[in-house]
C-alpha atoms as a PDB file:
ATOM      1  CA  MET A   1      14.085  -6.091  14.567  1.00  0.00           C
ATOM      2  CA  GLN A   2      13.715  -9.873  14.532  1.00  0.00           C
ATOM      3  CA  GLN A   3      11.399 -11.217  11.480  1.00  0.00           C
ATOM      4  CA  ARG A   4       8.580 -13.961  12.636  1.00  0.00           C
ATOM      5  CA  LYS A   5       6.943 -16.107   9.674  1.00  0.00           C
ATOM      6  CA  LEU A   6       2.997 -15.839  10.134  1.00  0.00           C
ATOM      7  CA  GLY A   7       1.941 -18.883   8.073  1.00  0.00           C
ATOM      8  CA  THR A   8       3.793 -21.249   5.421  1.00  0.00           C
ATOM      9  CA  GLN A   9       3.229 -19.130   2.622  1.00  0.00           C
ATOM     10  CA  GLY A  10       5.627 -16.775   2.940  1.00  0.00           C
ATOM     11  CA  LEU A  11       5.043 -13.718   4.865  1.00  0.00           C
ATOM     12  CA  LYS A  12       7.516 -12.584   7.437  1.00  0.00           C
ATOM     13  CA  VAL A  13       6.667  -9.008   9.493  1.00  0.00           C
ATOM     14  CA  SER A  14       8.587  -7.408  12.390  1.00  0.00           C
ATOM     15  CA  ALA A  15       7.560  -9.318  15.989  1.00  0.00           C
ATOM     16  CA  ILE A  16       6.484  -6.382  16.951  1.00  0.00           C
ATOM     17  CA  GLY A  17       3.968  -4.564  14.485  1.00  0.00           C
ATOM     18  CA  LEU A  18       1.739  -0.879  14.755  1.00  0.00           C
ATOM     19  CA  GLY A  19      -1.800  -0.919  15.353  1.00  0.00           C
ATOM     20  CA  CYS A  20      -2.919   1.816  13.690  1.00  0.00           C
ATOM     21  CA  MET A  21      -6.527   2.587  14.961  1.00  0.00           C
ATOM     22  CA  GLY A  22      -6.089   4.674  17.761  1.00  0.00           C
ATOM     23  CA  LEU A  23      -4.568   7.158  15.477  1.00  0.00           C
ATOM     24  CA  SER A  24      -8.095   7.911  14.100  1.00  0.00           C
ATOM     25  CA  ASP A  25     -10.714   6.352  15.719  1.00  0.00           C
ATOM     26  CA  PHE A  26     -12.629   4.861  19.067  1.00  0.00           C
ATOM     27  CA  TYR A  27      -9.262   6.041  21.654  1.00  0.00           C
ATOM     28  CA  PHE A  28     -10.640   9.758  22.039  1.00  0.00           C
ATOM     29  CA  SER A  29      -8.816  10.572  24.982  1.00  0.00           C
ATOM     30  CA  SER A  30      -5.560   9.931  23.033  1.00  0.00           C
ATOM     31  CA  GLN A  31      -6.530  11.239  19.839  1.00  0.00           C
ATOM     32  CA  ALA A  32      -3.614  12.162  17.095  1.00  0.00           C
ATOM     33  CA  SER A  33      -3.670  14.880  14.673  1.00  0.00           C
ATOM     34  CA  GLU A  34      -2.899  13.356  11.142  1.00  0.00           C
ATOM     35  CA  GLN A  35       0.426  15.119  11.465  1.00  0.00           C
ATOM     36  CA  GLN A  36       1.137  13.028  14.463  1.00  0.00           C
ATOM     37  CA  GLY A  37      -0.264   9.966  13.221  1.00  0.00           C
ATOM     38  CA  LEU A  38       2.131  10.304  10.388  1.00  0.00           C
ATOM     39  CA  ASP A  39       5.081  11.325  12.267  1.00  0.00           C
ATOM     40  CA  LEU A  40       4.307   7.941  14.736  1.00  0.00           C
ATOM     41  CA  ILE A  41       4.484   5.889  11.796  1.00  0.00           C
ATOM     42  CA  HIS A  42       7.641   7.408  10.030  1.00  0.00           C
ATOM     43  CA  HIS A  43       9.168   6.706  13.487  1.00  0.00           C
ATOM     44  CA  ALA A  44       7.957   3.185  13.776  1.00  0.00           C
ATOM     45  CA  LEU A  45       9.292   2.520  10.321  1.00  0.00           C
ATOM     46  CA  ASP A  46      12.463   4.155  11.111  1.00  0.00           C
ATOM     47  CA  LEU A  47      12.924   1.832  13.626  1.00  0.00           C
ATOM     48  CA  GLY A  48      12.630  -1.626  12.382  1.00  0.00           C
ATOM     49  CA  VAL A  49       8.582  -1.949  12.521  1.00  0.00           C
ATOM     50  CA  THR A  50       7.761  -3.176   9.262  1.00  0.00           C
ATOM     51  CA  PHE A  51       4.141  -4.604   9.873  1.00  0.00           C
ATOM     52  CA  LEU A  52       1.349  -1.936  10.014  1.00  0.00           C
ATOM     53  CA  ASP A  53      -2.112  -3.242  10.343  1.00  0.00           C
ATOM     54  CA  THR A  54      -5.351  -0.940   9.366  1.00  0.00           C
ATOM     55  CA  SER A  55      -8.923  -1.363   8.413  1.00  0.00           C
ATOM     56  CA  ASP A  56     -11.396   0.820   5.930  1.00  0.00           C
ATOM     57  CA  VAL A  57     -13.597   0.761   9.313  1.00  0.00           C
ATOM     58  CA  TYR A  58     -11.381   2.757  11.207  1.00  0.00           C
ATOM     59  CA  GLY A  59     -12.547   6.239  10.716  1.00  0.00           C
ATOM     60  CA  PRO A  60     -14.526   5.082   8.378  1.00  0.00           C
ATOM     61  CA  HIS A  61     -11.730   5.185   5.685  1.00  0.00           C
ATOM     62  CA  THR A  62      -9.761   7.923   7.259  1.00  0.00           C
ATOM     63  CA  ASN A  63      -7.212   5.882   8.988  1.00  0.00           C
ATOM     64  CA  GLU A  64      -6.621   3.984   5.842  1.00  0.00           C
ATOM     65  CA  ARG A  65      -5.598   7.189   3.641  1.00  0.00           C
ATOM     66  CA  LEU A  66      -3.082   8.631   7.063  1.00  0.00           C
ATOM     67  CA  VAL A  67      -1.455   5.021   6.359  1.00  0.00           C
ATOM     68  CA  GLY A  68      -1.503   5.618   2.707  1.00  0.00           C
ATOM     69  CA  LYS A  69       0.671   8.882   2.732  1.00  0.00           C
ATOM     70  CA  VAL A  70       3.095   7.417   4.995  1.00  0.00           C
ATOM     71  CA  LEU A  71       3.239   4.491   2.355  1.00  0.00           C
ATOM     72  CA  LYS A  72       4.393   7.054  -0.551  1.00  0.00           C
ATOM     73  CA  GLY A  73       8.310   6.007  -0.857  1.00  0.00           C
ATOM     74  CA  ARG A  74       8.210   3.390   1.573  1.00  0.00           C
ATOM     75  CA  ARG A  75       6.105   1.002   0.316  1.00  0.00           C
ATOM     76  CA  ASP A  76       8.789  -1.906   0.021  1.00  0.00           C
ATOM     77  CA  LYS A  77       9.611  -1.589   3.711  1.00  0.00           C
ATOM     78  CA  VAL A  78       6.296  -2.615   4.604  1.00  0.00           C
ATOM     79  CA  VAL A  79       3.567  -5.655   5.132  1.00  0.00           C
ATOM     80  CA  LEU A  80       0.698  -3.729   4.941  1.00  0.00           C
ATOM     81  CA  ALA A  81      -2.351  -5.048   6.706  1.00  0.00           C
ATOM     82  CA  THR A  82      -6.304  -3.912   6.537  1.00  0.00           C
ATOM     83  CA  LYS A  83      -9.423  -5.474   6.575  1.00  0.00           C
ATOM     84  CA  PHE A  84     -12.701  -5.346   5.237  1.00  0.00           C
ATOM     85  CA  GLY A  85     -16.582  -6.899   6.935  1.00  0.00           C
ATOM     86  CA  ILE A  86     -17.614  -4.549   9.379  1.00  0.00           C
ATOM     87  CA  VAL A  87     -19.863  -1.852   7.924  1.00  0.00           C
ATOM     88  CA  ARG A  88     -20.225   2.022   9.355  1.00  0.00           C
ATOM     89  CA  GLN A  89     -21.839   4.508   8.189  1.00  0.00           C
ATOM     90  CA  PRO A  90     -20.157   7.640   7.343  1.00  0.00           C
ATOM     91  CA  GLU A  91     -21.058   9.537  10.423  1.00  0.00           C
ATOM     92  CA  GLY A  92     -19.428   6.322  12.408  1.00  0.00           C
ATOM     93  CA  ASN A  93     -22.505   4.248  13.363  1.00  0.00           C
ATOM     94  CA  HIS A  94     -22.842   0.948  13.044  1.00  0.00           C
ATOM     95  CA  ARG A  95     -24.862  -0.893  10.544  1.00  0.00           C
ATOM     96  CA  GLY A  96     -23.446  -4.773  10.589  1.00  0.00           C
ATOM     97  CA  VAL A  97     -21.303  -7.295   8.500  1.00  0.00           C
ATOM     98  CA  ASN A  98     -21.069  -8.113   4.914  1.00  0.00           C
ATOM     99  CA  GLY A  99     -18.813 -10.935   3.405  1.00  0.00           C
ATOM    100  CA  ARG A 100     -20.941 -11.225   0.427  1.00  0.00           C
ATOM    101  CA  PRO A 101     -18.582 -11.982  -2.629  1.00  0.00           C
ATOM    102  CA  GLU A 102     -19.648  -9.042  -4.396  1.00  0.00           C
ATOM    103  CA  TYR A 103     -18.514  -6.488  -1.423  1.00  0.00           C
ATOM    104  CA  VAL A 104     -15.749  -8.416  -0.723  1.00  0.00           C
ATOM    105  CA  ARG A 105     -14.480  -7.356  -4.066  1.00  0.00           C
ATOM    106  CA  SER A 106     -15.838  -3.958  -4.060  1.00  0.00           C
ATOM    107  CA  ALA A 107     -14.487  -3.451  -0.102  1.00  0.00           C
ATOM    108  CA  LEU A 108     -11.040  -4.076  -1.752  1.00  0.00           C
ATOM    109  CA  GLU A 109     -11.053  -1.606  -4.493  1.00  0.00           C
ATOM    110  CA  GLY A 110     -12.197   1.372  -2.057  1.00  0.00           C
ATOM    111  CA  SER A 111      -9.119   0.367   0.161  1.00  0.00           C
ATOM    112  CA  LEU A 112      -6.446   0.438  -2.581  1.00  0.00           C
ATOM    113  CA  SER A 113      -7.716   3.649  -3.586  1.00  0.00           C
ATOM    114  CA  ARG A 114      -7.628   5.098  -0.437  1.00  0.00           C
ATOM    115  CA  LEU A 115      -4.152   3.708   0.185  1.00  0.00           C
ATOM    116  CA  GLY A 116      -2.932   4.613  -3.314  1.00  0.00           C
ATOM    117  CA  LEU A 117      -1.990   0.970  -3.810  1.00  0.00           C
ATOM    118  CA  ASP A 118      -2.232  -1.592  -6.592  1.00  0.00           C
ATOM    119  CA  TYR A 119      -1.952  -4.844  -3.920  1.00  0.00           C
ATOM    120  CA  VAL A 120      -2.083  -5.384   0.042  1.00  0.00           C
ATOM    121  CA  ASP A 121      -0.385  -7.858   1.774  1.00  0.00           C
ATOM    122  CA  LEU A 122      -2.519  -8.817   4.031  1.00  0.00           C
ATOM    123  CA  TYR A 123      -6.254  -9.182   3.966  1.00  0.00           C
ATOM    124  CA  TYR A 124      -8.381 -10.207   6.831  1.00  0.00           C
ATOM    125  CA  GLN A 125     -12.213 -10.925   7.110  1.00  0.00           C
ATOM    126  CA  HIS A 126     -12.497  -8.282   9.786  1.00  0.00           C
ATOM    127  CA  ARG A 127     -15.498 -10.088  11.400  1.00  0.00           C
ATOM    128  CA  VAL A 128     -17.090 -12.997  10.326  1.00  0.00           C
ATOM    129  CA  ASP A 129     -20.707 -12.885   8.142  1.00  0.00           C
ATOM    130  CA  PRO A 130     -22.928 -15.640   9.851  1.00  0.00           C
ATOM    131  CA  THR A 131     -25.441 -14.982   6.867  1.00  0.00           C
ATOM    132  CA  VAL A 132     -22.686 -16.019   4.092  1.00  0.00           C
ATOM    133  CA  PRO A 133     -20.866 -19.198   4.277  1.00  0.00           C
ATOM    134  CA  ILE A 134     -17.244 -18.730   4.780  1.00  0.00           C
ATOM    135  CA  GLU A 135     -16.555 -20.803   1.486  1.00  0.00           C
ATOM    136  CA  ASP A 136     -18.160 -17.733  -0.520  1.00  0.00           C
ATOM    137  CA  THR A 137     -16.158 -15.352   1.508  1.00  0.00           C
ATOM    138  CA  VAL A 138     -12.813 -16.925   0.853  1.00  0.00           C
ATOM    139  CA  GLY A 139     -13.606 -17.749  -2.570  1.00  0.00           C
ATOM    140  CA  ALA A 140     -14.089 -14.199  -3.037  1.00  0.00           C
ATOM    141  CA  MET A 141     -10.868 -13.503  -1.682  1.00  0.00           C
ATOM    142  CA  ALA A 142      -9.021 -15.951  -2.975  1.00  0.00           C
ATOM    143  CA  GLU A 143     -10.190 -14.028  -6.295  1.00  0.00           C
ATOM    144  CA  LEU A 144      -8.279 -11.558  -5.403  1.00  0.00           C
ATOM    145  CA  VAL A 145      -4.747 -13.618  -4.577  1.00  0.00           C
ATOM    146  CA  LYS A 146      -5.143 -14.491  -8.329  1.00  0.00           C
ATOM    147  CA  GLN A 147      -4.960 -10.795  -9.367  1.00  0.00           C
ATOM    148  CA  GLY A 148      -2.348 -10.178  -7.864  1.00  0.00           C
ATOM    149  CA  LYS A 149      -4.457  -7.203  -5.599  1.00  0.00           C
ATOM    150  CA  VAL A 150      -4.208  -9.533  -2.531  1.00  0.00           C
ATOM    151  CA  ARG A 151      -0.943 -11.576  -1.068  1.00  0.00           C
ATOM    152  CA  TYR A 152      -1.965 -13.444   1.698  1.00  0.00           C
ATOM    153  CA  LEU A 153      -6.003 -13.901   3.577  1.00  0.00           C
ATOM    154  CA  GLY A 154      -6.568 -13.859   7.413  1.00  0.00           C
ATOM    155  CA  LEU A 155      -9.514 -13.904   9.556  1.00  0.00           C
ATOM    156  CA  SER A 156     -10.542 -11.774  12.564  1.00  0.00           C
ATOM    157  CA  GLU A 157     -12.041 -13.283  15.529  1.00  0.00           C
ATOM    158  CA  ALA A 158     -13.095 -16.518  13.848  1.00  0.00           C
ATOM    159  CA  ALA A 159     -13.869 -19.759  15.255  1.00  0.00           C
ATOM    160  CA  PRO A 160     -12.434 -22.467  15.045  1.00  0.00           C
ATOM    161  CA  SER A 161     -14.859 -24.578  12.826  1.00  0.00           C
ATOM    162  CA  THR A 162     -14.802 -21.495  10.632  1.00  0.00           C
ATOM    163  CA  ILE A 163     -11.014 -21.233  10.323  1.00  0.00           C
ATOM    164  CA  ARG A 164     -10.654 -24.948   9.288  1.00  0.00           C
ATOM    165  CA  ARG A 165     -13.351 -24.432   6.791  1.00  0.00           C
ATOM    166  CA  ALA A 166     -12.020 -21.287   5.325  1.00  0.00           C
ATOM    167  CA  HIS A 167      -8.444 -23.073   4.772  1.00  0.00           C
ATOM    168  CA  LYS A 168      -9.525 -25.514   2.516  1.00  0.00           C
ATOM    169  CA  VAL A 169     -11.118 -22.872   0.174  1.00  0.00           C
ATOM    170  CA  HIS A 170      -7.320 -21.495   0.517  1.00  0.00           C
ATOM    171  CA  PRO A 171      -4.641 -21.407   2.492  1.00  0.00           C
ATOM    172  CA  ILE A 172      -4.781 -18.467   5.528  1.00  0.00           C
ATOM    173  CA  SER A 173      -2.380 -16.697   6.592  1.00  0.00           C
ATOM    174  CA  ALA A 174      -2.922 -14.931   9.865  1.00  0.00           C
ATOM    175  CA  LEU A 175      -5.241 -14.517  12.224  1.00  0.00           C
ATOM    176  CA  GLN A 176      -5.853 -11.683  13.934  1.00  0.00           C
ATOM    177  CA  SER A 177      -8.097 -11.887  17.755  1.00  0.00           C
ATOM    178  CA  GLU A 178      -7.560 -10.563  20.735  1.00  0.00           C
ATOM    179  CA  TYR A 179      -4.819 -12.017  23.220  1.00  0.00           C
ATOM    180  CA  SER A 180      -2.848 -10.622  25.979  1.00  0.00           C
ATOM    181  CA  LEU A 181      -2.217 -11.417  29.759  1.00  0.00           C
ATOM    182  CA  TRP A 182      -6.023 -10.653  30.729  1.00  0.00           C
ATOM    183  CA  SER A 183      -7.690 -12.160  27.477  1.00  0.00           C
ATOM    184  CA  ARG A 184      -6.133 -15.482  26.918  1.00  0.00           C
ATOM    185  CA  ASP A 185      -9.423 -17.076  25.143  1.00  0.00           C
ATOM    186  CA  PRO A 186      -7.395 -18.063  22.052  1.00  0.00           C
ATOM    187  CA  GLU A 187      -5.234 -21.055  24.713  1.00  0.00           C
ATOM    188  CA  ASP A 188      -8.127 -23.208  24.587  1.00  0.00           C
ATOM    189  CA  GLN A 189      -8.734 -24.289  21.032  1.00  0.00           C
ATOM    190  CA  ILE A 190      -7.679 -21.262  18.861  1.00  0.00           C
ATOM    191  CA  LEU A 191      -3.811 -21.485  19.034  1.00  0.00           C
ATOM    192  CA  PRO A 192      -4.128 -25.257  19.107  1.00  0.00           C
ATOM    193  CA  ILE A 193      -5.998 -25.726  15.761  1.00  0.00           C
ATOM    194  CA  LEU A 194      -3.559 -22.358  14.194  1.00  0.00           C
ATOM    195  CA  ARG A 195      -0.493 -24.516  14.760  1.00  0.00           C
ATOM    196  CA  GLU A 196      -2.115 -27.411  13.781  1.00  0.00           C
ATOM    197  CA  LEU A 197      -2.851 -26.012  10.063  1.00  0.00           C
ATOM    198  CA  GLY A 198       0.358 -23.765  10.073  1.00  0.00           C
ATOM    199  CA  ILE A 199      -1.350 -20.534  10.748  1.00  0.00           C
ATOM    200  CA  GLY A 200       0.132 -17.363  12.264  1.00  0.00           C
ATOM    201  CA  PHE A 201      -1.082 -15.473  15.185  1.00  0.00           C
ATOM    202  CA  VAL A 202      -1.196 -11.878  15.289  1.00  0.00           C
ATOM    203  CA  PRO A 203      -2.674 -10.806  18.883  1.00  0.00           C
ATOM    204  CA  TYR A 204      -4.054  -7.113  18.784  1.00  0.00           C
ATOM    205  CA  SER A 205      -4.736  -5.147  22.109  1.00  0.00           C
ATOM    206  CA  PRO A 206      -1.601  -6.817  23.470  1.00  0.00           C
ATOM    207  CA  LEU A 207      -1.987  -4.251  26.330  1.00  0.00           C
ATOM    208  CA  GLY A 208      -5.366  -4.881  27.035  1.00  0.00           C
ATOM    209  CA  ARG A 209      -6.525  -1.343  25.494  1.00  0.00           C
ATOM    210  CA  GLY A 210      -3.696  -0.077  27.432  1.00  0.00           C
ATOM    211  CA  PHE A 211      -5.179  -1.073  30.467  1.00  0.00           C
ATOM    212  CA  LEU A 212      -1.862  -3.567  31.335  1.00  0.00           C
ATOM    213  CA  ALA A 213      -0.012  -0.822  30.650  1.00  0.00           C
ATOM    214  CA  GLY A 214      -0.830   0.972  34.362  1.00  0.00           C
ATOM    215  CA  ARG A 215      -1.354   4.366  33.500  1.00  0.00           C
ATOM    216  CA  PHE A 216      -5.440   3.812  34.418  1.00  0.00           C
ATOM    217  CA  ARG A 217      -6.376   4.285  37.791  1.00  0.00           C
ATOM    218  CA  LYS A 218      -9.823   5.170  37.756  1.00  0.00           C
ATOM    219  CA  PRO A 219     -12.610   5.197  34.844  1.00  0.00           C
ATOM    220  CA  GLU A 220     -12.445   8.793  35.033  1.00  0.00           C
ATOM    221  CA  ASP A 221      -8.704   8.798  33.590  1.00  0.00           C
ATOM    222  CA  LEU A 222     -10.689   8.361  30.189  1.00  0.00           C
ATOM    223  CA  ALA A 223     -12.117  10.967  28.058  1.00  0.00           C
ATOM    224  CA  ALA A 224     -15.879  11.307  28.536  1.00  0.00           C
ATOM    225  CA  ASP A 225     -16.082  10.225  24.741  1.00  0.00           C
ATOM    226  CA  ASP A 226     -13.229   7.599  24.996  1.00  0.00           C
ATOM    227  CA  TRP A 227     -14.807   3.607  23.417  1.00  0.00           C
ATOM    228  CA  ARG A 228     -13.368   1.931  26.003  1.00  0.00           C
ATOM    229  CA  ARG A 229     -15.736   3.468  28.794  1.00  0.00           C
ATOM    230  CA  GLU A 230     -18.221   1.183  27.443  1.00  0.00           C
ATOM    231  CA  SER A 231     -16.023  -1.919  27.832  1.00  0.00           C
ATOM    232  CA  PRO A 232     -17.275  -4.074  30.564  1.00  0.00           C
ATOM    233  CA  ARG A 233     -13.924  -4.357  32.083  1.00  0.00           C
ATOM    234  CA  PHE A 234     -13.153  -0.657  32.437  1.00  0.00           C
ATOM    235  CA  LYS A 235     -16.130  -0.239  34.512  1.00  0.00           C
ATOM    236  CA  GLY A 236     -17.011   0.259  38.165  1.00  0.00           C
ATOM    237  CA  GLY A 237     -16.253  -2.371  40.517  1.00  0.00           C
ATOM    238  CA  ASN A 238     -14.882  -4.468  37.214  1.00  0.00           C
ATOM    239  CA  PHE A 239     -12.199  -1.845  36.901  1.00  0.00           C
ATOM    240  CA  ALA A 240     -11.331  -2.317  40.818  1.00  0.00           C
ATOM    241  CA  LYS A 241     -10.331  -5.793  40.642  1.00  0.00           C
ATOM    242  CA  ASN A 242      -8.520  -5.583  37.032  1.00  0.00           C
ATOM    243  CA  LEU A 243      -6.532  -3.024  38.640  1.00  0.00           C
ATOM    244  CA  ALA A 244      -5.507  -5.548  41.567  1.00  0.00           C
ATOM    245  CA  VAL A 245      -3.973  -7.374  38.800  1.00  0.00           C
ATOM    246  CA  VAL A 246      -2.274  -5.066  36.790  1.00  0.00           C
ATOM    247  CA  ASP A 247      -0.472  -3.856  40.324  1.00  0.00           C
ATOM    248  CA  ARG A 248       0.488  -7.227  41.123  1.00  0.00           C
ATOM    249  CA  LEU A 249       2.366  -7.469  37.372  1.00  0.00           C
ATOM    250  CA  LYS A 250       3.723  -4.136  37.918  1.00  0.00           C
ATOM    251  CA  ALA A 251       5.595  -5.212  40.803  1.00  0.00           C
ATOM    252  CA  ILE A 252       7.326  -8.116  38.465  1.00  0.00           C
ATOM    253  CA  ALA A 253       7.610  -5.767  36.044  1.00  0.00           C
ATOM    254  CA  ASP A 254       9.497  -3.574  38.559  1.00  0.00           C
ATOM    255  CA  GLU A 255      11.937  -6.443  39.922  1.00  0.00           C
ATOM    256  CA  LYS A 256      12.861  -7.360  36.240  1.00  0.00           C
ATOM    257  CA  GLY A 257      13.713  -3.681  35.158  1.00  0.00           C
ATOM    258  CA  CYS A 258      11.223  -3.384  32.531  1.00  0.00           C
ATOM    259  CA  THR A 259       7.714  -1.426  32.574  1.00  0.00           C
ATOM    260  CA  SER A 260       4.209  -2.827  32.907  1.00  0.00           C
ATOM    261  CA  SER A 261       3.790  -2.651  29.001  1.00  0.00           C
ATOM    262  CA  GLN A 262       6.960  -4.208  28.418  1.00  0.00           C
ATOM    263  CA  LEU A 263       6.412  -7.116  30.710  1.00  0.00           C
ATOM    264  CA  ALA A 264       2.951  -7.833  28.884  1.00  0.00           C
ATOM    265  CA  LEU A 265       4.468  -7.949  25.339  1.00  0.00           C
ATOM    266  CA  ALA A 266       7.569  -9.606  26.398  1.00  0.00           C
ATOM    267  CA  TRP A 267       5.101 -12.502  27.463  1.00  0.00           C
ATOM    268  CA  VAL A 268       2.976 -12.128  24.385  1.00  0.00           C
ATOM    269  CA  LEU A 269       6.206 -12.831  22.477  1.00  0.00           C
ATOM    270  CA  ALA A 270       6.960 -15.702  24.561  1.00  0.00           C
ATOM    271  CA  GLN A 271       4.198 -17.603  23.822  1.00  0.00           C
ATOM    272  CA  GLY A 272       5.781 -18.740  20.592  1.00  0.00           C
ATOM    273  CA  PRO A 273       7.788 -17.427  17.336  1.00  0.00           C
ATOM    274  CA  ASP A 274       4.231 -17.807  15.091  1.00  0.00           C
ATOM    275  CA  LEU A 275       2.846 -14.731  17.399  1.00  0.00           C
ATOM    276  CA  ALA A 276       3.172 -10.954  16.539  1.00  0.00           C
ATOM    277  CA  PRO A 277       1.239  -8.614  18.344  1.00  0.00           C
ATOM    278  CA  ILE A 278      -0.234  -5.170  16.658  1.00  0.00           C
ATOM    279  CA  PRO A 279       0.180  -2.728  19.813  1.00  0.00           C
ATOM    280  CA  GLY A 280      -1.189   0.927  18.848  1.00  0.00           C
ATOM    281  CA  THR A 281      -0.156   4.213  20.502  1.00  0.00           C
ATOM    282  CA  THR A 282      -0.395   7.629  19.477  1.00  0.00           C
ATOM    283  CA  SER A 283       2.796   8.449  21.571  1.00  0.00           C
ATOM    284  CA  THR A 284       6.420   8.670  20.522  1.00  0.00           C
ATOM    285  CA  ALA A 285       7.720   7.575  23.836  1.00  0.00           C
ATOM    286  CA  ARG A 286       5.115   5.015  24.052  1.00  0.00           C
ATOM    287  CA  LEU A 287       5.985   3.165  20.659  1.00  0.00           C
ATOM    288  CA  GLU A 288       9.877   3.196  21.668  1.00  0.00           C
ATOM    289  CA  GLU A 289       9.134   1.420  24.823  1.00  0.00           C
ATOM    290  CA  ASN A 290       6.914  -0.753  23.137  1.00  0.00           C
ATOM    291  CA  LEU A 291       9.251  -1.841  20.752  1.00  0.00           C
ATOM    292  CA  LYS A 292      11.836  -2.473  23.759  1.00  0.00           C
ATOM    293  CA  ALA A 293       9.892  -5.488  24.687  1.00  0.00           C
ATOM    294  CA  ALA A 294      11.324  -7.455  21.995  1.00  0.00           C
ATOM    295  CA  GLU A 295      14.608  -7.495  23.579  1.00  0.00           C
ATOM    296  CA  ILE A 296      12.978  -8.911  26.641  1.00  0.00           C
ATOM    297  CA  SER A 297      13.413 -12.641  27.809  1.00  0.00           C
ATOM    298  CA  LEU A 298      11.796 -13.840  30.342  1.00  0.00           C
ATOM    299  CA  SER A 299      13.095 -17.058  32.596  1.00  0.00           C
ATOM    300  CA  PRO A 300      10.711 -20.245  33.332  1.00  0.00           C
ATOM    301  CA  ARG A 301      10.594 -18.802  36.757  1.00  0.00           C
ATOM    302  CA  GLU A 302       9.680 -15.363  35.705  1.00  0.00           C
ATOM    303  CA  LEU A 303       6.840 -16.499  33.245  1.00  0.00           C
ATOM    304  CA  GLU A 304       5.616 -18.847  36.368  1.00  0.00           C
ATOM    305  CA  ARG A 305       5.320 -15.712  38.791  1.00  0.00           C
ATOM    306  CA  ILE A 306       3.522 -13.797  35.833  1.00  0.00           C
ATOM    307  CA  GLU A 307       0.857 -17.373  35.532  1.00  0.00           C
ATOM    308  CA  GLU A 308       0.145 -17.324  39.047  1.00  0.00           C
ATOM    309  CA  VAL A 309      -0.572 -13.223  38.972  1.00  0.00           C
ATOM    310  CA  SER A 310      -2.600 -13.456  35.540  1.00  0.00           C
ATOM    311  CA  PRO A 311      -3.805 -16.823  34.908  1.00  0.00           C
ATOM    312  CA  GLN A 312      -6.594 -17.194  31.855  1.00  0.00           C
ATOM    313  CA  GLY A 313      -9.866 -15.750  33.009  1.00  0.00           C
ATOM    314  CA  VAL A 314      -8.606 -13.539  35.403  1.00  0.00           C
ATOM    315  CA  ALA A 315     -10.133 -10.186  33.619  1.00  0.00           C
ATOM    316  CA  THR A 316     -13.482  -9.609  35.862  1.00  0.00           C
ATOM    317  CA  GLY A 317     -16.076  -8.688  33.041  1.00  0.00           C
ATOM    318  CA  GLU A 318     -16.410  -9.465  29.478  1.00  0.00           C
ATOM    319  CA  ARG A 319     -14.064  -8.349  26.903  1.00  0.00           C
ATOM    320  CA  TYR A 320     -16.135  -6.105  24.908  1.00  0.00           C
ATOM    321  CA  HIS A 321     -19.809  -4.121  25.540  1.00  0.00           C
ATOM    322  CA  PRO A 322     -23.240  -6.369  24.120  1.00  0.00           C
ATOM    323  CA  GLN A 323     -23.493  -4.253  20.794  1.00  0.00           C
ATOM    324  CA  MET A 324     -19.753  -5.185  19.464  1.00  0.00           C
ATOM    325  CA  ALA A 325     -19.535  -9.188  21.494  1.00  0.00           C
ATOM    326  CA  THR A 326     -22.419 -10.201  19.131  1.00  0.00           C
ATOM    327  CA  LEU A 327     -19.951  -9.567  16.084  1.00  0.00           C
ATOM    328  CA  ILE A 328     -17.940 -12.434  17.156  1.00  0.00           C
ATOM    329  CA  ASP A 329     -17.692 -16.047  15.388  1.00  0.00           C
ATOM    330  CA  ARG A 330     -19.316 -18.500  17.642  1.00  0.00           C
ATOM    331  CA  GLY A 331     -19.135 -21.150  14.674  1.00  0.00           C
END
């Protein structure tokens, strides 16, 4: 698979990575067994994926253990990204965000233990702690780089001013934020500052949490305990309005001879060589489908048609329910 550079510090990853969250948490309608998760990640690596994304909060902790089992014997083939900062109780309840320097250090030690590693390639602050200066948090992360426990630093859902301040303390190689055909907010301020500073961009949920794939036709298609049911975009009238956009995108995909998922991913990849999306799935068939998007080129006219159907701001409803929305850094 094509490789892409993230940042200017030497980090290279496969053009499409694998977001591992859904193998352990949140999307209960498609929850995978441990063996299914192991098989799927191994298959992704066999197909050329080199970029795996996890976090200590997924599970919590179980997703890192799952990924760690895959890495045994395959470490040199993988760019491993994990994250810290969102704190959950063992039963999964959210407790807040922690960016204190001492927590940064202890969180990494926990991740390394669960992963069975002595270093991680890319270490993100999962959410910015508004009570701790970003300089203090990134300063602690920079010490981990000096110690050889982390190779590259990243932020997630950070505001432009936060990114700039963090980058002055230590080079940031990648920013991870939601970005897709129905979540295009980063285009206004985030992407310009990333390109100014030479920081790569890792879009998560590039398929709109699965909505852009077109497989959900009504809210009831999601299991009762699926986290997405709490998302405003998956509710009631919002669902119907968003589905109409998906159907128009599918018409373009049908003409192109690809699936809706492949069209959505190809569009993300076409936004620049400094983007490496990380779609997730529990299905081997969907994995193979997603990865083939890297082989699809969109013509200028096709990009224009997609823009006409799905311009910035097309999605109806906020992308997060109120509790999670409070964790987004506003600068």
